[in-house]
Protein backbone atom coordinates (compact mmCIF):
# COMPACT_ATOMS: atom_id res chain seq x y z
CA MET A 1 39.55 -12.37 -29.89
CA PHE A 2 35.86 -13.14 -29.25
CA ASP A 3 34.09 -12.57 -25.97
CA VAL A 4 32.33 -15.76 -25.93
CA LEU A 5 32.55 -18.94 -28.29
CA ILE A 6 29.98 -21.67 -28.17
CA LYS A 7 31.41 -24.75 -29.76
CA ASN A 8 30.14 -28.20 -30.92
CA GLY A 9 26.46 -27.45 -30.72
CA LEU A 10 23.57 -28.31 -32.82
CA ILE A 11 22.46 -24.80 -34.16
CA VAL A 12 18.76 -24.31 -34.39
CA ASP A 13 18.81 -20.80 -35.81
CA GLY A 14 15.19 -19.78 -35.50
CA SER A 15 14.48 -19.71 -39.14
CA GLY A 16 12.86 -23.17 -39.39
CA ALA A 17 15.69 -24.51 -41.45
CA PRO A 18 17.13 -27.80 -40.59
CA ALA A 19 19.62 -27.83 -37.64
CA PHE A 20 23.24 -28.14 -38.33
CA ARG A 21 26.46 -28.65 -36.32
CA GLY A 22 28.55 -25.66 -35.71
CA ASP A 23 30.08 -22.92 -33.60
CA VAL A 24 28.71 -19.38 -32.63
CA ALA A 25 31.16 -16.74 -31.82
CA ILE A 26 30.07 -13.53 -29.99
CA ARG A 27 31.88 -10.06 -29.64
CA ASP A 28 30.62 -6.76 -28.26
CA GLY A 29 27.18 -8.05 -27.69
CA LYS A 30 26.62 -9.19 -31.29
CA ILE A 31 26.79 -12.51 -33.12
CA ALA A 32 30.20 -12.11 -34.93
CA LYS A 33 30.44 -15.35 -36.83
CA ILE A 34 28.59 -18.62 -37.28
CA ALA A 35 30.61 -21.48 -38.87
CA PRO A 36 30.95 -25.30 -38.84
CA SER A 37 34.16 -24.68 -36.75
CA ILE A 38 35.65 -21.61 -35.21
CA ASP A 39 39.21 -22.04 -33.72
CA SER A 40 39.85 -18.33 -32.88
CA GLU A 41 40.66 -17.41 -29.25
CA SER A 42 37.83 -16.28 -26.85
CA LYS A 43 37.67 -14.96 -23.34
CA GLU A 44 35.13 -17.75 -22.54
CA VAL A 45 34.23 -21.07 -24.28
CA ILE A 46 30.99 -22.86 -23.91
CA ASP A 47 31.19 -26.45 -24.81
CA ALA A 48 27.65 -27.25 -26.36
CA ALA A 49 28.50 -30.78 -27.34
CA GLY A 50 25.16 -32.85 -27.20
CA LEU A 51 23.08 -29.69 -26.89
CA GLN A 52 21.12 -27.31 -29.06
CA VAL A 53 21.97 -23.68 -29.68
CA THR A 54 18.90 -21.49 -30.30
CA PRO A 55 17.94 -17.79 -30.15
CA GLY A 56 16.68 -16.63 -26.83
CA PHE A 57 13.01 -17.09 -26.41
CA ILE A 58 10.55 -14.23 -26.70
CA ASP A 59 7.86 -14.01 -24.07
CA SER A 60 5.00 -12.27 -25.90
CA HIS A 61 2.96 -11.36 -22.77
CA SER A 62 4.65 -10.39 -19.50
CA HIS A 63 3.77 -7.78 -16.77
CA SER A 64 7.07 -6.59 -15.80
CA ASP A 65 6.47 -2.85 -16.08
CA ARG A 66 7.29 -2.40 -12.39
CA SER A 67 10.93 -3.30 -12.80
CA VAL A 68 11.54 0.04 -14.29
CA PHE A 69 11.01 1.75 -11.01
CA ARG A 70 13.04 -0.61 -8.87
CA GLU A 71 16.43 0.38 -7.56
CA GLY A 72 18.75 -1.23 -10.10
CA GLY A 73 16.22 -2.61 -12.44
CA SER A 74 15.28 -6.27 -12.26
CA GLY A 75 17.25 -9.59 -12.58
CA SER A 76 14.34 -11.30 -14.22
CA TYR A 77 15.57 -14.54 -12.99
CA ASN A 78 12.56 -16.54 -13.53
CA TYR A 79 12.63 -15.52 -17.20
CA LEU A 80 16.17 -16.35 -17.68
CA LEU A 81 15.84 -19.79 -16.17
CA GLN A 82 13.28 -20.51 -19.04
CA GLY A 83 15.61 -19.32 -21.75
CA VAL A 84 13.85 -16.05 -22.25
CA THR A 85 15.85 -13.20 -23.41
CA THR A 86 13.14 -10.75 -24.57
CA GLN A 87 9.73 -10.02 -22.84
CA VAL A 88 6.93 -7.86 -23.93
CA ALA A 89 5.23 -5.95 -21.07
CA GLY A 90 2.33 -3.37 -20.79
CA GLN A 91 -0.36 -6.13 -21.30
CA CYS A 92 -3.89 -6.48 -20.34
CA GLY A 93 -4.52 -2.79 -20.58
CA SER A 94 -2.06 -2.23 -17.58
CA SER A 95 0.89 0.13 -17.56
CA PHE A 96 2.38 2.70 -15.27
CA ALA A 97 1.85 5.44 -17.78
CA PRO A 98 0.12 7.79 -17.87
CA TRP A 99 0.41 7.78 -14.10
CA TYR A 100 -2.90 8.63 -12.09
CA PRO A 101 -3.76 7.96 -8.29
CA GLU A 102 -5.73 4.78 -8.88
CA ASN A 103 -2.53 3.09 -10.30
CA ALA A 104 -1.08 3.50 -6.71
CA ARG A 105 -3.51 0.92 -5.40
CA LYS A 106 -3.21 -1.36 -8.34
CA TYR A 107 0.55 -1.60 -7.99
CA GLY A 108 0.87 -1.19 -4.31
CA VAL A 109 3.02 1.81 -4.40
CA THR A 110 3.73 4.11 -1.44
CA PRO A 111 2.51 7.72 -1.50
CA GLU A 112 6.12 8.74 -1.79
CA GLN A 113 6.80 6.43 -4.71
CA SER A 114 3.42 7.69 -6.26
CA GLN A 115 4.79 11.25 -6.10
CA ARG A 116 7.75 10.42 -8.11
CA LEU A 117 5.84 8.45 -10.62
CA THR A 118 3.57 11.43 -11.20
CA VAL A 119 6.73 12.83 -12.95
CA LYS A 120 8.52 9.61 -14.15
CA ALA A 121 5.47 8.25 -15.79
CA ALA A 122 3.32 11.23 -16.46
CA MET A 123 3.47 10.50 -20.10
CA PRO A 124 4.20 7.31 -21.94
CA SER A 125 7.34 8.89 -23.26
CA ASP A 126 8.50 9.74 -19.77
CA PHE A 127 8.14 6.15 -18.88
CA MET A 128 10.16 4.97 -21.90
CA GLN A 129 12.93 7.34 -21.01
CA ALA A 130 12.85 5.99 -17.42
CA ALA A 131 13.01 2.43 -18.86
CA GLU A 132 15.91 3.06 -20.90
CA ALA A 133 17.95 4.41 -17.82
CA VAL A 134 17.68 1.29 -15.66
CA HIS A 135 19.31 -2.18 -16.07
CA HIS A 136 17.16 -5.17 -17.15
CA GLY A 137 17.83 -8.84 -16.82
CA THR A 138 16.25 -9.44 -20.15
CA ASN A 139 15.36 -7.19 -23.13
CA VAL A 140 12.00 -5.54 -22.67
CA ALA A 141 9.60 -4.04 -25.15
CA TYR A 142 6.33 -2.30 -24.22
CA PHE A 143 2.68 -1.89 -25.01
CA ILE A 144 0.88 1.20 -23.49
CA GLY A 145 -2.08 0.21 -21.36
CA HIS A 146 -5.60 1.49 -22.18
CA SER A 147 -6.73 1.30 -18.46
CA PRO A 148 -4.53 4.24 -17.24
CA ILE A 149 -5.38 6.27 -20.27
CA ARG A 150 -9.10 5.91 -19.78
CA GLY A 151 -8.89 6.09 -16.01
CA LYS A 152 -7.00 9.28 -16.19
CA VAL A 153 -9.20 10.88 -18.68
CA GLN A 154 -12.56 9.60 -17.44
CA GLY A 155 -12.17 7.87 -14.18
CA PHE A 156 -14.08 4.75 -13.20
CA THR A 157 -17.29 5.56 -15.15
CA ASP A 158 -19.12 3.65 -17.77
CA ALA A 159 -20.05 6.88 -19.54
CA LEU A 160 -19.14 7.21 -23.27
CA ALA A 161 -16.18 9.18 -24.06
CA THR A 162 -16.97 12.75 -25.29
CA PRO A 163 -15.04 14.09 -28.41
CA GLU A 164 -12.92 16.10 -26.24
CA GLN A 165 -12.12 13.13 -24.06
CA MET A 166 -11.41 10.94 -27.10
CA LYS A 167 -8.97 13.53 -28.42
CA GLU A 168 -7.15 13.54 -25.10
CA MET A 169 -6.90 9.77 -25.04
CA GLN A 170 -5.55 9.70 -28.52
CA SER A 171 -2.83 12.16 -27.68
CA TYR A 172 -1.54 9.71 -25.02
CA VAL A 173 -1.54 7.01 -27.77
CA LYS A 174 0.44 9.21 -30.15
CA ASP A 175 2.96 10.02 -27.51
CA ALA A 176 3.43 6.26 -26.79
CA MET A 177 3.81 5.42 -30.43
CA GLU A 178 6.29 8.23 -31.05
CA ALA A 179 8.32 6.98 -28.01
CA GLY A 180 8.62 3.59 -29.50
CA PHE A 181 5.83 1.51 -27.85
CA LEU A 182 4.52 -1.51 -29.81
CA GLY A 183 0.88 -0.39 -29.56
CA VAL A 184 -2.00 -0.32 -27.27
CA SER A 185 -3.20 -3.17 -24.88
CA THR A 186 -6.75 -3.50 -23.46
CA GLY A 187 -7.98 -5.42 -20.53
CA LEU A 188 -11.63 -5.74 -21.31
CA VAL A 189 -12.55 -7.51 -18.13
CA TYR A 190 -10.68 -5.00 -15.81
CA ALA A 191 -12.01 -1.69 -14.55
CA PRO A 192 -11.90 0.92 -16.11
CA SER A 193 -10.97 -0.61 -19.45
CA VAL A 194 -13.98 -2.86 -19.21
CA TYR A 195 -16.34 0.15 -19.49
CA ALA A 196 -15.01 1.01 -23.02
CA ARG A 197 -17.40 0.28 -25.99
CA THR A 198 -16.20 -1.34 -29.16
CA GLU A 199 -16.57 2.03 -31.28
CA GLU A 200 -14.65 3.79 -28.68
CA LEU A 201 -11.65 1.38 -28.94
CA ILE A 202 -11.77 1.58 -32.72
CA GLU A 203 -11.43 5.41 -32.54
CA LEU A 204 -8.59 5.00 -30.10
CA MET A 205 -6.69 2.73 -32.22
CA LYS A 206 -6.94 4.74 -35.24
CA ALA A 207 -4.33 7.00 -33.38
CA ALA A 208 -1.91 3.99 -33.47
CA ALA A 209 -2.57 2.88 -36.90
CA PRO A 210 -0.48 5.49 -38.89
CA TYR A 211 2.64 4.26 -36.83
CA GLY A 212 2.16 0.53 -37.46
CA GLY A 213 0.91 -0.04 -33.90
CA THR A 214 -0.65 -3.39 -32.90
CA TYR A 215 -3.87 -3.90 -30.91
CA VAL A 216 -3.33 -6.34 -28.13
CA SER A 217 -6.22 -7.57 -26.04
CA HIS A 218 -7.32 -9.40 -22.99
CA ILE A 219 -10.61 -9.87 -24.62
CA ARG A 220 -14.09 -9.26 -23.11
CA GLY A 221 -14.74 -12.99 -22.38
CA GLU A 222 -12.77 -16.20 -22.53
CA GLY A 223 -15.62 -18.76 -21.80
CA ASN A 224 -19.32 -18.79 -22.94
CA ASN A 225 -18.78 -15.58 -25.26
CA CYS A 226 -15.15 -16.11 -26.24
CA LEU A 227 -16.02 -16.38 -29.99
CA GLN A 228 -17.78 -13.12 -29.87
CA ALA A 229 -14.99 -11.63 -27.88
CA VAL A 230 -12.43 -12.65 -30.54
CA GLN A 231 -14.81 -11.30 -33.20
CA GLU A 232 -14.76 -7.92 -31.37
CA ALA A 233 -11.07 -7.79 -31.27
CA ILE A 234 -10.65 -8.55 -34.96
CA ARG A 235 -13.38 -6.03 -35.73
CA ILE A 236 -11.35 -3.28 -33.74
CA GLY A 237 -8.22 -4.11 -35.61
CA GLU A 238 -10.03 -4.27 -39.04
CA GLU A 239 -11.77 -1.01 -38.60
CA SER A 240 -8.95 0.81 -37.18
CA GLY A 241 -6.26 -0.52 -39.58
CA CYS A 242 -4.10 -2.22 -36.82
CA PRO A 243 -2.76 -5.83 -36.64
CA VAL A 244 -4.49 -7.81 -33.79
CA PHE A 245 -2.89 -9.86 -31.09
CA ILE A 246 -5.21 -11.76 -28.68
CA SER A 247 -3.85 -12.21 -25.26
CA HIS A 248 -3.63 -15.70 -23.55
CA ILE A 249 -6.13 -17.17 -25.81
CA LYS A 250 -8.11 -19.96 -23.97
CA VAL A 251 -11.50 -21.43 -23.48
CA MET A 252 -12.92 -21.28 -19.96
CA GLY A 253 -15.55 -23.86 -18.91
CA LYS A 254 -15.50 -27.60 -19.27
CA HIS A 255 -18.96 -27.27 -20.86
CA ASN A 256 -17.31 -25.14 -23.65
CA GLU A 257 -14.64 -27.82 -24.49
CA GLY A 258 -14.10 -27.75 -28.22
CA LEU A 259 -14.66 -24.07 -28.85
CA ALA A 260 -10.98 -23.51 -29.63
CA GLU A 261 -11.60 -24.90 -33.03
CA LYS A 262 -14.03 -22.03 -33.80
CA LEU A 263 -11.63 -19.56 -32.30
CA LEU A 264 -8.76 -20.62 -34.61
CA ALA A 265 -11.08 -20.59 -37.59
CA GLU A 266 -12.08 -17.12 -36.79
CA ILE A 267 -8.30 -16.14 -36.71
CA ASP A 268 -7.76 -17.95 -40.00
CA ALA A 269 -10.72 -16.16 -41.63
CA ALA A 270 -9.33 -12.76 -40.51
CA ASN A 271 -5.93 -13.37 -41.86
CA ALA A 272 -7.43 -14.62 -45.27
CA ARG A 273 -9.14 -11.39 -45.75
CA GLY A 274 -6.09 -9.33 -44.73
CA VAL A 275 -6.50 -8.52 -41.06
CA VAL A 276 -3.35 -9.66 -39.62
CA THR A 277 -4.28 -11.61 -36.44
CA TYR A 278 -2.11 -13.46 -33.87
CA ALA A 279 -2.57 -14.84 -30.25
CA ASP A 280 -0.40 -15.89 -27.44
CA GLN A 281 -1.07 -18.57 -24.79
CA TYR A 282 0.42 -20.07 -21.54
CA PRO A 283 0.47 -23.86 -21.44
CA TYR A 284 -1.61 -24.32 -18.26
CA THR A 285 -5.35 -25.18 -17.72
CA ALA A 286 -5.73 -22.68 -14.80
CA SER A 287 -5.92 -18.95 -15.36
CA SER A 288 -4.72 -16.40 -12.86
CA ALA A 289 -6.07 -12.74 -12.40
CA PRO A 290 -6.60 -10.09 -9.61
CA LEU A 291 -9.35 -11.36 -7.31
CA SER A 292 -11.24 -8.16 -7.67
CA SER A 293 -11.64 -8.69 -11.38
CA GLN A 294 -13.73 -11.81 -10.71
CA ILE A 295 -16.40 -9.33 -9.35
CA PRO A 296 -18.74 -8.08 -12.03
CA PRO A 297 -17.58 -4.64 -12.93
CA LYS A 298 -20.95 -2.92 -12.17
CA TYR A 299 -19.87 -3.38 -8.46
CA LEU A 300 -16.55 -1.64 -9.03
CA LEU A 301 -17.81 1.58 -10.22
CA GLY A 302 -16.27 4.58 -8.58
CA GLY A 303 -12.80 3.35 -7.82
CA THR A 304 -11.18 1.05 -5.23
CA ASP A 305 -12.19 3.06 -2.07
CA VAL A 306 -15.82 3.12 -3.11
CA TRP A 307 -16.24 -0.51 -4.05
CA LEU A 308 -14.36 -1.76 -1.01
CA GLU A 309 -16.87 0.10 1.12
CA ARG A 310 -19.67 -1.25 -1.14
CA ILE A 311 -18.77 -4.94 -0.67
CA LYS A 312 -19.05 -4.73 3.14
CA SER A 313 -22.83 -5.05 2.52
CA PRO A 314 -24.37 -8.43 3.10
CA GLU A 315 -27.01 -7.53 0.45
CA VAL A 316 -24.28 -6.61 -2.10
CA ARG A 317 -22.58 -9.78 -1.50
CA ARG A 318 -25.71 -11.74 -2.27
CA GLN A 319 -26.14 -9.69 -5.47
CA ILE A 320 -22.44 -10.43 -6.44
CA VAL A 321 -23.03 -14.29 -6.07
CA HIS A 322 -26.19 -13.91 -8.17
CA SER A 323 -24.39 -11.91 -10.76
CA ILE A 324 -21.46 -14.41 -11.14
CA PHE A 325 -23.59 -17.46 -11.50
CA HIS A 326 -26.76 -16.13 -13.24
CA GLU A 327 -25.81 -12.97 -15.16
CA VAL A 328 -23.04 -14.58 -17.32
CA ASP A 329 -24.08 -12.74 -20.44
CA GLU A 330 -23.36 -9.59 -18.71
CA PHE A 331 -20.03 -10.51 -17.27
CA GLU A 332 -18.20 -13.73 -17.16
CA SER A 333 -16.23 -14.24 -14.03
CA GLY A 334 -13.48 -16.89 -13.88
CA ILE A 335 -15.27 -18.01 -10.68
CA TYR A 336 -18.33 -19.01 -12.75
CA HIS A 337 -16.21 -21.56 -14.42
CA SER A 338 -14.00 -22.77 -11.51
CA GLY A 339 -16.52 -22.47 -8.62
CA PHE A 340 -15.36 -21.05 -5.43
CA GLU A 341 -13.85 -24.38 -4.65
CA GLY A 342 -11.63 -24.06 -7.73
CA ALA A 343 -10.56 -20.53 -6.87
CA LEU A 344 -7.08 -20.58 -5.14
CA ILE A 345 -5.65 -17.57 -3.50
CA ILE A 346 -2.03 -17.27 -4.33
CA THR A 347 -1.09 -13.74 -3.13
CA ALA A 348 -2.71 -11.93 -0.16
CA LYS A 349 0.36 -10.31 1.33
CA LYS A 350 -1.58 -8.86 4.44
CA THR A 351 -3.16 -12.23 5.21
CA PRO A 352 -0.72 -14.88 4.44
CA GLU A 353 -2.61 -17.41 6.42
CA TRP A 354 -5.13 -17.42 3.50
CA GLU A 355 -2.56 -17.91 0.78
CA ASN A 356 -2.47 -21.35 -1.04
CA ARG A 357 -6.21 -21.91 0.09
CA THR A 358 -9.47 -21.93 -1.95
CA LEU A 359 -12.27 -19.44 -1.25
CA THR A 360 -14.31 -22.40 0.01
CA GLU A 361 -11.57 -23.37 2.49
CA ILE A 362 -11.19 -19.69 3.60
CA ALA A 363 -14.97 -19.58 4.15
CA GLN A 364 -14.67 -22.55 6.54
CA MET A 365 -11.85 -20.68 8.45
CA ILE A 366 -13.86 -17.45 8.91
CA GLY A 367 -17.17 -19.26 9.45
CA GLY A 368 -18.89 -17.70 6.44
CA GLU A 369 -20.00 -18.27 2.93
CA PRO A 370 -17.53 -18.41 0.02
CA VAL A 371 -18.58 -14.94 -1.09
CA ASP A 372 -17.70 -13.60 2.40
CA ALA A 373 -14.28 -15.17 1.91
CA LEU A 374 -13.94 -13.38 -1.52
CA CYS A 375 -14.89 -10.04 0.05
CA GLU A 376 -13.07 -10.36 3.17
CA VAL A 377 -9.75 -11.26 1.28
CA LEU A 378 -9.99 -8.01 -0.80
CA LEU A 379 -11.02 -5.85 2.32
CA ALA A 380 -8.14 -7.15 4.43
CA ASN A 381 -5.64 -6.57 1.51
CA GLY A 382 -6.88 -3.19 0.33
CA GLY A 383 -8.29 -4.65 -2.76
CA SER A 384 -5.00 -6.22 -3.91
CA ALA A 385 -5.07 -10.07 -3.92
CA GLN A 386 -4.40 -12.72 -6.79
CA GLY A 387 -6.10 -15.86 -7.51
CA VAL A 388 -5.59 -19.04 -9.65
CA TYR A 389 -8.82 -20.42 -11.42
CA PHE A 390 -8.97 -24.09 -12.52
CA ASN A 391 -11.29 -23.65 -15.43
CA GLN A 392 -10.12 -25.04 -18.76
CA SER A 393 -9.71 -28.26 -20.73
CA ALA A 394 -6.49 -29.88 -21.82
CA SER A 395 -7.77 -30.64 -25.27
CA ASP A 396 -8.48 -27.03 -26.15
CA LEU A 397 -5.10 -26.05 -24.70
CA ILE A 398 -3.31 -28.42 -26.99
CA ARG A 399 -5.39 -27.59 -30.02
CA LEU A 400 -4.62 -23.84 -29.55
CA MET A 401 -1.14 -24.65 -29.12
CA ALA A 402 -0.64 -26.41 -32.51
CA HIS A 403 -1.61 -23.37 -34.40
CA PRO A 404 1.18 -21.53 -36.10
CA HIS A 405 -0.12 -18.08 -35.17
CA VAL A 406 -0.26 -18.81 -31.39
CA PHE A 407 2.81 -17.81 -29.66
CA CYS A 408 3.71 -18.15 -25.97
CA GLY A 409 3.41 -15.70 -23.18
CA SER A 410 3.72 -16.25 -19.48
CA ASP A 411 1.26 -13.60 -18.21
CA THR A 412 3.36 -12.90 -15.16
CA SER A 413 6.04 -10.62 -13.95
CA ASP A 414 9.86 -10.92 -13.34
CA HIS A 415 11.45 -12.00 -10.06
CA ASN A 416 14.03 -9.57 -8.60
CA GLU A 417 15.24 -12.12 -6.13
CA PHE A 418 16.28 -15.70 -6.04
CA ARG A 419 13.22 -17.55 -4.71
CA ASN A 420 13.47 -20.80 -2.70
CA PRO A 421 12.38 -23.51 -5.38
CA GLU A 422 10.71 -25.49 -2.62
CA ARG A 423 8.79 -22.51 -1.18
CA ALA A 424 4.99 -23.54 -1.07
CA GLY A 425 2.40 -21.27 -2.87
CA GLY A 426 2.70 -17.84 -3.56
CA GLY A 427 2.34 -17.90 -7.37
CA HIS A 428 1.40 -19.84 -10.53
CA PRO A 429 3.78 -22.19 -12.23
CA ARG A 430 3.67 -20.21 -15.37
CA SER A 431 5.99 -17.64 -13.64
CA THR A 432 8.90 -20.08 -13.89
CA GLY A 433 7.89 -22.92 -16.41
CA THR A 434 6.07 -21.31 -19.23
CA MET A 435 8.51 -21.59 -22.04
CA VAL A 436 9.90 -25.04 -20.96
CA ARG A 437 6.49 -26.57 -20.61
CA ARG A 438 5.40 -25.27 -23.90
CA LEU A 439 8.45 -26.72 -25.52
CA GLU A 440 7.96 -29.88 -23.62
CA LEU A 441 4.33 -30.33 -24.61
CA VAL A 442 4.86 -29.50 -28.25
CA ARG A 443 7.65 -32.02 -28.12
CA ASP A 444 5.76 -34.78 -26.37
CA PHE A 445 2.53 -34.34 -28.44
CA ARG A 446 4.50 -34.07 -31.72
CA LEU A 447 2.78 -30.85 -32.73
CA ARG A 448 5.93 -29.53 -34.49
CA THR A 449 9.40 -30.42 -35.24
CA MET A 450 12.19 -29.06 -33.03
CA GLU A 451 13.11 -26.48 -35.57
CA GLU A 452 9.46 -25.23 -36.05
CA SER A 453 8.86 -25.13 -32.32
CA VAL A 454 11.90 -22.88 -31.77
CA LYS A 455 10.87 -20.80 -34.78
CA ASN A 456 7.45 -20.19 -33.23
CA LEU A 457 8.96 -18.98 -30.05
CA THR A 458 11.54 -16.75 -31.60
CA TRP A 459 11.57 -15.49 -35.19
CA ASP A 460 7.76 -15.84 -35.72
CA THR A 461 7.00 -13.95 -32.57
CA ALA A 462 9.70 -11.37 -33.35
CA GLN A 463 8.13 -10.64 -36.74
CA ALA A 464 4.52 -10.58 -35.32
CA LEU A 465 5.45 -7.97 -32.71
CA LYS A 466 8.00 -6.01 -35.06
CA LEU A 467 11.04 -6.49 -32.67
CA PRO A 468 14.23 -5.64 -34.65
CA GLU A 469 17.23 -7.99 -34.45
CA GLN A 470 15.47 -10.56 -32.38
CA GLY A 471 14.48 -14.19 -32.95
CA LEU A 472 17.43 -15.35 -35.20
CA LEU A 473 20.99 -16.47 -34.80
CA ARG A 474 22.30 -14.21 -37.49
CA GLU A 475 25.70 -12.59 -37.90
CA GLY A 476 25.65 -8.94 -36.90
CA TRP A 477 22.48 -9.28 -34.83
CA ASP A 478 22.08 -9.00 -31.07
CA ALA A 479 23.53 -12.16 -29.34
CA ASN A 480 20.57 -13.38 -27.50
CA VAL A 481 21.08 -17.12 -27.24
CA CYS A 482 20.08 -20.13 -25.40
CA VAL A 483 21.82 -23.39 -25.01
CA LEU A 484 19.53 -26.32 -24.13
CA ASP A 485 18.89 -30.09 -24.10
CA TYR A 486 15.67 -30.25 -26.12
CA ASP A 487 15.10 -33.97 -25.43
CA ARG A 488 15.42 -33.51 -21.63
CA LEU A 489 13.43 -30.28 -21.06
CA HIS A 490 11.02 -30.54 -18.30
CA ALA A 491 9.10 -27.86 -16.24
CA THR A 492 8.89 -29.24 -12.60
CA ALA A 493 7.00 -26.29 -11.23
CA ASP A 494 3.33 -26.93 -10.10
CA TYR A 495 0.78 -25.07 -8.18
CA LYS A 496 1.93 -26.16 -4.77
CA HIS A 497 5.70 -25.35 -5.64
CA PRO A 498 5.44 -22.68 -8.43
CA CYS A 499 9.15 -21.63 -8.22
CA ARG A 500 10.81 -24.99 -8.92
CA ARG A 501 13.54 -24.94 -11.49
CA ASN A 502 13.29 -26.25 -15.09
CA GLN A 503 15.33 -28.94 -16.38
CA GLY A 504 17.25 -28.73 -19.70
CA ILE A 505 18.30 -25.05 -19.85
CA HIS A 506 22.08 -24.84 -19.60
CA HIS A 507 23.29 -21.39 -20.73
CA VAL A 508 21.48 -18.15 -21.71
CA LEU A 509 23.18 -15.20 -23.09
CA VAL A 510 21.56 -11.64 -23.29
CA ASN A 511 23.18 -9.22 -25.63
CA GLY A 512 26.41 -11.26 -25.49
CA VAL A 513 26.61 -11.61 -21.71
CA VAL A 514 26.25 -14.98 -20.09
CA ALA A 515 23.15 -14.51 -17.81
CA VAL A 516 22.70 -18.30 -17.05
CA ARG A 517 25.76 -20.47 -16.71
CA ASP A 518 25.45 -24.14 -16.22
CA GLY A 519 21.85 -23.78 -15.08
CA GLU A 520 22.59 -21.04 -12.53
CA PRO A 521 21.39 -17.41 -13.16
CA GLN A 522 24.10 -14.68 -12.83
CA ASP A 523 23.27 -11.09 -11.80
CA THR A 524 24.39 -9.51 -15.08
CA ARG A 525 21.41 -7.33 -16.06
CA SER A 526 22.51 -6.84 -19.73
CA GLY A 527 19.06 -6.46 -21.23
CA LYS A 528 17.80 -3.34 -23.03
CA VAL A 529 14.58 -1.69 -24.06
CA ILE A 530 13.59 -2.74 -27.60
CA LYS A 531 11.45 -0.24 -29.50
CA ARG A 532 8.97 -0.91 -32.22
CA GLY A 533 10.63 -1.74 -35.65
CA LYS A 534 8.80 -1.56 -39.06
């Protein structure tokens, strides 16, 4: 007897081969049989007539590290409702391990929690052990973040690493690779990762190369200098011997429209000379990042307590505005491209009255200048607030999406509770709509066939990230499956209502367990940690 039998569906197996009619049988978390017709008994039968049966989607860029330390793990409901069965966390240079005090501010943990994390995330291997001990709504794989490694060893300084410090940082990387992490991520616009020079990152990644580790990077610029930033990422991979994965590739600034073509040419040239290079992307023209990261990093030296005190000064605020708009070659803030009027605050937990308002609107509320709004939001929220920045062109987004080496990542974190779909504000629509909107745009712009589109989000992504037994419907492999209506896929979430449900996702199975049934998430938590394959 099978546990689940999916019948009468159009099977799109992830390989790119033509779809075919058939049934999929699942037993003990694995795909037991795929055939034109399976008539054996099963505990549950899902009728997929008129629907497509695909591998579960792989989100190549998430920030769900925090779920490891939640009581009971996380339901990951927002991912499951997109058809995602595997997410890749530890991105943009951020991770819990190795734990150090400044991380407490970043993740908003209490002193008591921070004390526990000193043990549970002291080393990357400790974090991995903790991750394997909890229940996940989806499968999860991890990169180790560069920021806590550099922050723990050097603090918030722009000084060059000494040979002794480099050796210590490399020891954390080796520990991570031996524990099964996929590689190392950097966030080269976020302190303290931003302070690392190219040569330092090359040396660091040489510790990951013997293990087959990947270098994934939120690059140093995504607007005026995005081409140079992509070239830097490729150089780090080439000189260290690591594959390269460029995070949420984009072109910020309407005046930079068309640069996507040059970025893709750079990626093609790297692959042609043997430097394996990929990228991921979320299908929206507004970016989202911590509000503090929009301040040039020279004002963030010393750590959170120091810079919060610094930005109280009216003179420093005037300098910040000048730097954002007139020192772009030194640091490219998202606000430079969006303007204060295009910077929307989506999370400011201690001042909810400022959520879902732009910095220009908040300035009017407090009777100050937009830079005062920027600084006051950060001061009132202990440095922790999130913004959305409307700063990209649709033409570049579509051009990047069409490239076969560009995959899909939400750049968000999991929801551990059922959120009211009609709640106003509080997030970016990418948290609920990324995969469905990607499929919808590819379909409507006819960028790929259905089979090619599914392959890009499943098997191609799994191969690029070295995720074993993911991305294909294959007998004997983990049963991560999505049942959907391809022609009716539609992401309804927007910036005003970022939690609205998607249309067209019917059933999702994670390791053989039905996690979404008839469009409704189930509290199953059958995901597992996936370690780096070969």
